[in-house]
Amino acid sequence: MLMKEKNQWSNLVKGKIHLLLRYSMWAPTLTRIPTRFVPYFTFVPSFIIYFPFLLLLLLKSFFSFRVSSLAKIERSNSTRIQSES
């Protein structure tokens, strides 16, 4: 009897964790991944939440590369002009 109650309690806790994982992590995503494939106690961040941050990082790195490459071109042009005169 005690083992059966313990097993029911364990299943109840697992069910609550399952729901928490499903609604807190997968609810914002557009493509839902079935939660039966997500093991318990794993944190899988939602892509939608982190997408703007990743996009900002990508844009920042792109523009910093572009600015640095433009600065190098400007320096090489100025040294070429100085050497010609």
PDB file of N, CA and C in Angstrom:
ATOM      1  N   MET A   1       0.828  -1.206   0.000  1.00  0.00           N
ATOM      2  CA  MET A   1       0.000   0.000   0.000  1.00  0.00           C
ATOM      3  C   MET A   1       0.865   1.260   0.000  1.00  0.00           C
ATOM      4  N   LEU A   2       1.893   1.273   0.859  1.00  0.00           N
ATOM      5  CA  LEU A   2       2.774   2.428   0.956  1.00  0.00           C
ATOM      6  C   LEU A   2       3.549   2.635  -0.343  1.00  0.00           C
ATOM      7  N   MET A   3       3.987   1.531  -0.948  1.00  0.00           N
ATOM      8  CA  MET A   3       4.739   1.607  -2.204  1.00  0.00           C
ATOM      9  C   MET A   3       3.865   2.176  -3.325  1.00  0.00           C
ATOM     10  N   LYS A   4       2.593   1.791  -3.332  1.00  0.00           N
ATOM     11  CA  LYS A   4       1.672   2.277  -4.362  1.00  0.00           C
ATOM     12  C   LYS A   4       1.448   3.786  -4.215  1.00  0.00           C
ATOM     13  N   GLU A   5       1.283   4.250  -2.961  1.00  0.00           N
ATOM     14  CA  GLU A   5       1.098   5.680  -2.711  1.00  0.00           C
ATOM     15  C   GLU A   5       2.345   6.467  -3.094  1.00  0.00           C
ATOM     16  N   LYS A   6       3.505   5.909  -2.779  1.00  0.00           N
ATOM     17  CA  LYS A   6       4.766   6.563  -3.119  1.00  0.00           C
ATOM     18  C   LYS A   6       4.914   6.671  -4.639  1.00  0.00           C
ATOM     19  N   ASN A   7       4.529   5.615  -5.337  1.00  0.00           N
ATOM     20  CA  ASN A   7       4.614   5.601  -6.792  1.00  0.00           C
ATOM     21  C   ASN A   7       3.655   6.624  -7.395  1.00  0.00           C
ATOM     22  N   GLN A   8       2.442   6.725  -6.829  1.00  0.00           N
ATOM     23  CA  GLN A   8       1.481   7.712  -7.319  1.00  0.00           C
ATOM     24  C   GLN A   8       1.994   9.134  -7.083  1.00  0.00           C
ATOM     25  N   TRP A   9       2.595   9.356  -5.918  1.00  0.00           N
ATOM     26  CA  TRP A   9       3.156  10.674  -5.601  1.00  0.00           C
ATOM     27  C   TRP A   9       4.291  11.016  -6.566  1.00  0.00           C
ATOM     28  N   SER A  10       5.128  10.030  -6.844  1.00  0.00           N
ATOM     29  CA  SER A  10       6.237  10.223  -7.780  1.00  0.00           C
ATOM     30  C   SER A  10       5.720  10.574  -9.173  1.00  0.00           C
ATOM     31  N   ASN A  11       4.687   9.875  -9.613  1.00  0.00           N
ATOM     32  CA  ASN A  11       4.102  10.167 -10.923  1.00  0.00           C
ATOM     33  C   ASN A  11       3.475  11.562 -10.962  1.00  0.00           C
ATOM     34  N   LEU A  12       2.859  11.963  -9.849  1.00  0.00           N
ATOM     35  CA  LEU A  12       2.260  13.290  -9.763  1.00  0.00           C
ATOM     36  C   LEU A  12       3.330  14.376  -9.873  1.00  0.00           C
ATOM     37  N   VAL A  13       4.437  14.188  -9.154  1.00  0.00           N
ATOM     38  CA  VAL A  13       5.541  15.153  -9.201  1.00  0.00           C
ATOM     39  C   VAL A  13       6.130  15.211 -10.604  1.00  0.00           C
ATOM     40  N   LYS A  14       6.331  14.048 -11.218  1.00  0.00           N
ATOM     41  CA  LYS A  14       6.855  14.014 -12.585  1.00  0.00           C
ATOM     42  C   LYS A  14       5.908  14.717 -13.552  1.00  0.00           C
ATOM     43  N   GLY A  15       4.605  14.527 -13.343  1.00  0.00           N
ATOM     44  CA  GLY A  15       3.625  15.192 -14.196  1.00  0.00           C
ATOM     45  C   GLY A  15       3.674  16.703 -14.057  1.00  0.00           C
ATOM     46  N   LYS A  16       3.839  17.186 -12.819  1.00  0.00           N
ATOM     47  CA  LYS A  16       3.930  18.633 -12.587  1.00  0.00           C
ATOM     48  C   LYS A  16       5.192  19.196 -13.237  1.00  0.00           C
ATOM     49  N   ILE A  17       6.306  18.496 -13.086  1.00  0.00           N
ATOM     50  CA  ILE A  17       7.560  18.933 -13.710  1.00  0.00           C
ATOM     51  C   ILE A  17       7.408  18.941 -15.223  1.00  0.00           C
ATOM     52  N   HIS A  18       6.752  17.942 -15.735  1.00  0.00           N
ATOM     53  CA  HIS A  18       6.509  17.828 -17.173  1.00  0.00           C
ATOM     54  C   HIS A  18       5.722  19.044 -17.678  1.00  0.00           C
ATOM     55  N   LEU A  19       4.670  19.421 -16.942  1.00  0.00           N
ATOM     56  CA  LEU A  19       3.869  20.581 -17.335  1.00  0.00           C
ATOM     57  C   LEU A  19       4.662  21.877 -17.223  1.00  0.00           C
ATOM     58  N   LEU A  20       5.454  21.987 -16.149  1.00  0.00           N
ATOM     59  CA  LEU A  20       6.280  23.187 -15.999  1.00  0.00           C
ATOM     60  C   LEU A  20       7.259  23.326 -17.153  1.00  0.00           C
ATOM     61  N   LEU A  21       7.899  22.215 -17.502  1.00  0.00           N
ATOM     62  CA  LEU A  21       8.833  22.239 -18.633  1.00  0.00           C
ATOM     63  C   LEU A  21       8.114  22.617 -19.914  1.00  0.00           C
ATOM     64  N   ARG A  22       6.957  22.044 -20.095  1.00  0.00           N
ATOM     65  CA  ARG A  22       6.227  22.285 -21.345  1.00  0.00           C
ATOM     66  C   ARG A  22       5.789  23.738 -21.486  1.00  0.00           C
ATOM     67  N   TYR A  23       5.180  24.275 -20.443  1.00  0.00           N
ATOM     68  CA  TYR A  23       4.618  25.613 -20.575  1.00  0.00           C
ATOM     69  C   TYR A  23       5.633  26.719 -20.357  1.00  0.00           C
ATOM     70  N   SER A  24       6.667  26.500 -19.564  1.00  0.00           N
ATOM     71  CA  SER A  24       7.623  27.583 -19.342  1.00  0.00           C
ATOM     72  C   SER A  24       8.679  27.636 -20.425  1.00  0.00           C
ATOM     73  N   MET A  25       8.973  26.512 -21.072  1.00  0.00           N
ATOM     74  CA  MET A  25      10.061  26.516 -22.046  1.00  0.00           C
ATOM     75  C   MET A  25       9.610  26.352 -23.480  1.00  0.00           C
ATOM     76  N   TRP A  26       8.573  25.560 -23.702  1.00  0.00           N
ATOM     77  CA  TRP A  26       8.186  25.323 -25.088  1.00  0.00           C
ATOM     78  C   TRP A  26       7.006  26.162 -25.540  1.00  0.00           C
ATOM     79  N   ALA A  27       6.274  26.767 -24.610  1.00  0.00           N
ATOM     80  CA  ALA A  27       5.097  27.539 -25.007  1.00  0.00           C
ATOM     81  C   ALA A  27       5.423  28.710 -25.934  1.00  0.00           C
ATOM     82  N   PRO A  28       6.532  29.442 -25.728  1.00  0.00           N
ATOM     83  CA  PRO A  28       6.780  30.577 -26.621  1.00  0.00           C
ATOM     84  C   PRO A  28       7.284  30.198 -28.010  1.00  0.00           C
ATOM     85  N   THR A  29       7.719  28.974 -28.190  1.00  0.00           N
ATOM     86  CA  THR A  29       8.334  28.609 -29.468  1.00  0.00           C
ATOM     87  C   THR A  29       7.279  28.373 -30.529  1.00  0.00           C
ATOM     88  N   LEU A  30       7.649  28.646 -31.764  1.00  0.00           N
ATOM     89  CA  LEU A  30       6.732  28.439 -32.870  1.00  0.00           C
ATOM     90  C   LEU A  30       6.667  26.973 -33.258  1.00  0.00           C
ATOM     91  N   THR A  31       7.821  26.317 -33.271  1.00  0.00           N
ATOM     92  CA  THR A  31       7.843  24.891 -33.607  1.00  0.00           C
ATOM     93  C   THR A  31       7.901  24.117 -32.303  1.00  0.00           C
ATOM     94  N   ARG A  32       6.833  23.462 -31.973  1.00  0.00           N
ATOM     95  CA  ARG A  32       6.783  22.723 -30.707  1.00  0.00           C
ATOM     96  C   ARG A  32       7.490  21.379 -30.838  1.00  0.00           C
ATOM     97  N   ILE A  33       8.374  21.128 -29.916  1.00  0.00           N
ATOM     98  CA  ILE A  33       9.047  19.838 -29.843  1.00  0.00           C
ATOM     99  C   ILE A  33       8.289  19.023 -28.803  1.00  0.00           C
ATOM    100  N   PRO A  34       7.917  17.796 -29.112  1.00  0.00           N
ATOM    101  CA  PRO A  34       7.170  16.999 -28.129  1.00  0.00           C
ATOM    102  C   PRO A  34       7.951  16.853 -26.829  1.00  0.00           C
ATOM    103  N   THR A  35       7.293  17.142 -25.711  1.00  0.00           N
ATOM    104  CA  THR A  35       8.003  17.142 -24.435  1.00  0.00           C
ATOM    105  C   THR A  35       8.352  15.743 -23.966  1.00  0.00           C
ATOM    106  N   ARG A  36       7.787  14.723 -24.579  1.00  0.00           N
ATOM    107  CA  ARG A  36       8.172  13.377 -24.133  1.00  0.00           C
ATOM    108  C   ARG A  36       9.618  13.070 -24.504  1.00  0.00           C
ATOM    109  N   PHE A  37      10.178  13.842 -25.454  1.00  0.00           N
ATOM    110  CA  PHE A  37      11.575  13.653 -25.817  1.00  0.00           C
ATOM    111  C   PHE A  37      12.516  14.500 -24.970  1.00  0.00           C
ATOM    112  N   VAL A  38      11.956  15.378 -24.136  1.00  0.00           N
ATOM    113  CA  VAL A  38      12.779  16.218 -23.272  1.00  0.00           C
ATOM    114  C   VAL A  38      12.909  15.529 -21.925  1.00  0.00           C
ATOM    115  N   PRO A  39      14.129  15.161 -21.546  1.00  0.00           N
ATOM    116  CA  PRO A  39      14.282  14.508 -20.234  1.00  0.00           C
ATOM    117  C   PRO A  39      13.966  15.488 -19.103  1.00  0.00           C
ATOM    118  N   TYR A  40      13.583  14.952 -17.957  1.00  0.00           N
ATOM    119  CA  TYR A  40      13.275  15.799 -16.819  1.00  0.00           C
ATOM    120  C   TYR A  40      14.529  16.516 -16.341  1.00  0.00           C
ATOM    121  N   PHE A  41      14.318  17.685 -15.743  1.00  0.00           N
ATOM    122  CA  PHE A  41      15.381  18.501 -15.162  1.00  0.00           C
ATOM    123  C   PHE A  41      16.390  18.990 -16.196  1.00  0.00           C
ATOM    124  N   THR A  42      15.979  19.167 -17.413  1.00  0.00           N
ATOM    125  CA  THR A  42      16.875  19.764 -18.407  1.00  0.00           C
ATOM    126  C   THR A  42      16.333  21.130 -18.770  1.00  0.00           C
ATOM    127  N   PHE A  43      17.220  22.062 -18.955  1.00  0.00           N
ATOM    128  CA  PHE A  43      16.816  23.412 -19.322  1.00  0.00           C
ATOM    129  C   PHE A  43      17.091  23.615 -20.802  1.00  0.00           C
ATOM    130  N   VAL A  44      16.043  23.804 -21.561  1.00  0.00           N
ATOM    131  CA  VAL A  44      16.186  24.043 -22.992  1.00  0.00           C
ATOM    132  C   VAL A  44      15.605  25.423 -23.262  1.00  0.00           C
ATOM    133  N   PRO A  45      16.457  26.428 -23.439  1.00  0.00           N
ATOM    134  CA  PRO A  45      15.921  27.777 -23.621  1.00  0.00           C
ATOM    135  C   PRO A  45      15.163  27.925 -24.928  1.00  0.00           C
ATOM    136  N   SER A  46      14.198  28.774 -24.905  1.00  0.00           N
ATOM    137  CA  SER A  46      13.391  29.005 -26.092  1.00  0.00           C
ATOM    138  C   SER A  46      14.166  29.849 -27.089  1.00  0.00           C
ATOM    139  N   PHE A  47      14.101  29.467 -28.359  1.00  0.00           N
ATOM    140  CA  PHE A  47      14.831  30.189 -29.402  1.00  0.00           C
ATOM    141  C   PHE A  47      14.243  31.575 -29.621  1.00  0.00           C
ATOM    142  N   ILE A  48      12.926  31.693 -29.467  1.00  0.00           N
ATOM    143  CA  ILE A  48      12.263  32.980 -29.693  1.00  0.00           C
ATOM    144  C   ILE A  48      12.750  34.024 -28.696  1.00  0.00           C
ATOM    145  N   ILE A  49      12.986  33.611 -27.456  1.00  0.00           N
ATOM    146  CA  ILE A  49      13.436  34.544 -26.430  1.00  0.00           C
ATOM    147  C   ILE A  49      14.846  35.033 -26.732  1.00  0.00           C
ATOM    148  N   TYR A  50      15.728  34.138 -27.182  1.00  0.00           N
ATOM    149  CA  TYR A  50      17.121  34.502 -27.382  1.00  0.00           C
ATOM    150  C   TYR A  50      17.414  34.994 -28.795  1.00  0.00           C
ATOM    151  N   PHE A  51      16.459  34.903 -29.714  1.00  0.00           N
ATOM    152  CA  PHE A  51      16.714  35.302 -31.098  1.00  0.00           C
ATOM    153  C   PHE A  51      17.087  36.775 -31.240  1.00  0.00           C
ATOM    154  N   PRO A  52      16.372  37.726 -30.603  1.00  0.00           N
ATOM    155  CA  PRO A  52      16.778  39.138 -30.748  1.00  0.00           C
ATOM    156  C   PRO A  52      18.184  39.395 -30.232  1.00  0.00           C
ATOM    157  N   PHE A  53      18.545  38.749 -29.124  1.00  0.00           N
ATOM    158  CA  PHE A  53      19.887  38.911 -28.566  1.00  0.00           C
ATOM    159  C   PHE A  53      20.940  38.380 -29.537  1.00  0.00           C
ATOM    160  N   LEU A  54      20.690  37.210 -30.121  1.00  0.00           N
ATOM    161  CA  LEU A  54      21.625  36.646 -31.093  1.00  0.00           C
ATOM    162  C   LEU A  54      21.718  37.521 -32.336  1.00  0.00           C
ATOM    163  N   LEU A  55      20.587  38.065 -32.755  1.00  0.00           N
ATOM    164  CA  LEU A  55      20.578  38.946 -33.921  1.00  0.00           C
ATOM    165  C   LEU A  55      21.387  40.213 -33.653  1.00  0.00           C
ATOM    166  N   LEU A  56      21.247  40.777 -32.458  1.00  0.00           N
ATOM    167  CA  LEU A  56      22.031  41.957 -32.104  1.00  0.00           C
ATOM    168  C   LEU A  56      23.524  41.655 -32.089  1.00  0.00           C
ATOM    169  N   LEU A  57      23.895  40.499 -31.543  1.00  0.00           N
ATOM    170  CA  LEU A  57      25.310  40.119 -31.546  1.00  0.00           C
ATOM    171  C   LEU A  57      25.840  39.966 -32.962  1.00  0.00           C
ATOM    172  N   LEU A  58      25.049  39.345 -33.815  1.00  0.00           N
ATOM    173  CA  LEU A  58      25.451  39.148 -35.204  1.00  0.00           C
ATOM    174  C   LEU A  58      25.620  40.489 -35.917  1.00  0.00           C
ATOM    175  N   LEU A  59      24.658  41.389 -35.738  1.00  0.00           N
ATOM    176  CA  LEU A  59      24.755  42.711 -36.364  1.00  0.00           C
ATOM    177  C   LEU A  59      25.940  43.505 -35.826  1.00  0.00           C
ATOM    178  N   LYS A  60      26.165  43.415 -34.524  1.00  0.00           N
ATOM    179  CA  LYS A  60      27.288  44.127 -33.911  1.00  0.00           C
ATOM    180  C   LYS A  60      28.605  43.633 -34.478  1.00  0.00           C
ATOM    181  N   SER A  61      28.760  42.323 -34.573  1.00  0.00           N
ATOM    182  CA  SER A  61      30.013  41.784 -35.102  1.00  0.00           C
ATOM    183  C   SER A  61      30.172  42.138 -36.576  1.00  0.00           C
ATOM    184  N   PHE A  62      29.073  42.126 -37.328  1.00  0.00           N
ATOM    185  CA  PHE A  62      29.143  42.473 -38.752  1.00  0.00           C
ATOM    186  C   PHE A  62      29.580  43.920 -38.938  1.00  0.00           C
ATOM    187  N   PHE A  63      28.945  44.837 -38.180  1.00  0.00           N
ATOM    188  CA  PHE A  63      29.274  46.245 -38.360  1.00  0.00           C
ATOM    189  C   PHE A  63      30.647  46.589 -37.800  1.00  0.00           C
ATOM    190  N   SER A  64      31.071  45.929 -36.724  1.00  0.00           N
ATOM    191  CA  SER A  64      32.416  46.204 -36.216  1.00  0.00           C
ATOM    192  C   SER A  64      33.459  45.712 -37.215  1.00  0.00           C
ATOM    193  N   PHE A  65      33.201  44.576 -37.860  1.00  0.00           N
ATOM    194  CA  PHE A  65      34.112  44.081 -38.896  1.00  0.00           C
ATOM    195  C   PHE A  65      34.136  45.045 -40.075  1.00  0.00           C
ATOM    196  N   ARG A  66      32.958  45.531 -40.454  1.00  0.00           N
ATOM    197  CA  ARG A  66      32.853  46.446 -41.593  1.00  0.00           C
ATOM    198  C   ARG A  66      33.578  47.754 -41.303  1.00  0.00           C
ATOM    199  N   VAL A  67      33.400  48.289 -40.102  1.00  0.00           N
ATOM    200  CA  VAL A  67      34.057  49.542 -39.726  1.00  0.00           C
ATOM    201  C   VAL A  67      35.564  49.356 -39.689  1.00  0.00           C
ATOM    202  N   SER A  68      36.022  48.234 -39.123  1.00  0.00           N
ATOM    203  CA  SER A  68      37.466  48.011 -39.058  1.00  0.00           C
ATOM    204  C   SER A  68      38.058  47.818 -40.450  1.00  0.00           C
ATOM    205  N   SER A  69      37.342  47.128 -41.331  1.00  0.00           N
ATOM    206  CA  SER A  69      37.857  46.938 -42.689  1.00  0.00           C
ATOM    207  C   SER A  69      37.849  48.259 -43.458  1.00  0.00           C
ATOM    208  N   LEU A  70      36.829  49.101 -43.245  1.00  0.00           N
ATOM    209  CA  LEU A  70      36.809  50.418 -43.885  1.00  0.00           C
ATOM    210  C   LEU A  70      37.942  51.299 -43.362  1.00  0.00           C
ATOM    211  N   ALA A  71      38.238  51.196 -42.070  1.00  0.00           N
ATOM    212  CA  ALA A  71      39.340  51.971 -41.495  1.00  0.00           C
ATOM    213  C   ALA A  71      40.672  51.519 -42.088  1.00  0.00           C
ATOM    214  N   LYS A  72      40.842  50.216 -42.289  1.00  0.00           N
ATOM    215  CA  LYS A  72      42.078  49.712 -42.904  1.00  0.00           C
ATOM    216  C   LYS A  72      42.213  50.221 -44.337  1.00  0.00           C
ATOM    217  N   ILE A  73      41.114  50.221 -45.081  1.00  0.00           N
ATOM    218  CA  ILE A  73      41.142  50.717 -46.465  1.00  0.00           C
ATOM    219  C   ILE A  73      41.489  52.204 -46.473  1.00  0.00           C
ATOM    220  N   GLU A  74      40.910  52.952 -45.559  1.00  0.00           N
ATOM    221  CA  GLU A  74      41.181  54.390 -45.472  1.00  0.00           C
ATOM    222  C   GLU A  74      42.649  54.640 -45.145  1.00  0.00           C
ATOM    223  N   ARG A  75      43.201  53.863 -44.206  1.00  0.00           N
ATOM    224  CA  ARG A  75      44.618  54.011 -43.857  1.00  0.00           C
ATOM    225  C   ARG A  75      45.513  53.681 -45.036  1.00  0.00           C
ATOM    226  N   SER A  76      45.187  52.598 -45.739  1.00  0.00           N
ATOM    227  CA  SER A  76      46.025  52.217 -46.884  1.00  0.00           C
ATOM    228  C   SER A  76      45.932  53.260 -47.992  1.00  0.00           C
ATOM    229  N   ASN A  77      44.754  53.842 -48.189  1.00  0.00           N
ATOM    230  CA  ASN A  77      44.607  54.909 -49.185  1.00  0.00           C
ATOM    231  C   ASN A  77      45.403  56.148 -48.792  1.00  0.00           C
ATOM    232  N   SER A  78      45.362  56.512 -47.525  1.00  0.00           N
ATOM    233  CA  SER A  78      46.090  57.710 -47.085  1.00  0.00           C
ATOM    234  C   SER A  78      47.598  57.499 -47.184  1.00  0.00           C
ATOM    235  N   THR A  79      48.080  56.299 -46.860  1.00  0.00           N
ATOM    236  CA  THR A  79      49.522  56.040 -46.995  1.00  0.00           C
ATOM    237  C   THR A  79      49.929  56.003 -48.458  1.00  0.00           C
ATOM    238  N   ARG A  80      49.066  55.508 -49.325  1.00  0.00           N
ATOM    239  CA  ARG A  80      49.362  55.471 -50.760  1.00  0.00           C
ATOM    240  C   ARG A  80      49.406  56.887 -51.328  1.00  0.00           C
ATOM    241  N   ILE A  81      48.480  57.733 -50.899  1.00  0.00           N
ATOM    242  CA  ILE A  81      48.450  59.124 -51.372  1.00  0.00           C
ATOM    243  C   ILE A  81      49.688  59.869 -50.879  1.00  0.00           C
ATOM    244  N   GLN A  82      50.082  59.631 -49.627  1.00  0.00           N
ATOM    245  CA  GLN A  82      51.273  60.287 -49.083  1.00  0.00           C
ATOM    246  C   GLN A  82      52.533  59.830 -49.810  1.00  0.00           C
ATOM    247  N   SER A  83      52.609  58.543 -50.139  1.00  0.00           N
ATOM    248  CA  SER A  83      53.802  58.040 -50.826  1.00  0.00           C
ATOM    249  C   SER A  83      53.873  58.546 -52.265  1.00  0.00           C
ATOM    250  N   GLU A  84      52.730  58.803 -52.884  1.00  0.00           N
ATOM    251  CA  GLU A  84      52.716  59.317 -54.257  1.00  0.00           C
ATOM    252  C   GLU A  84      53.127  60.782 -54.318  1.00  0.00           C
ATOM    253  N   SER A  85      52.848  61.545 -53.276  1.00  0.00           N
ATOM    254  CA  SER A  85      53.176  62.975 -53.324  1.00  0.00           C
ATOM    255  C   SER A  85      54.531  63.288 -52.733  1.00  0.00           C
TER     256      SER A  85
END
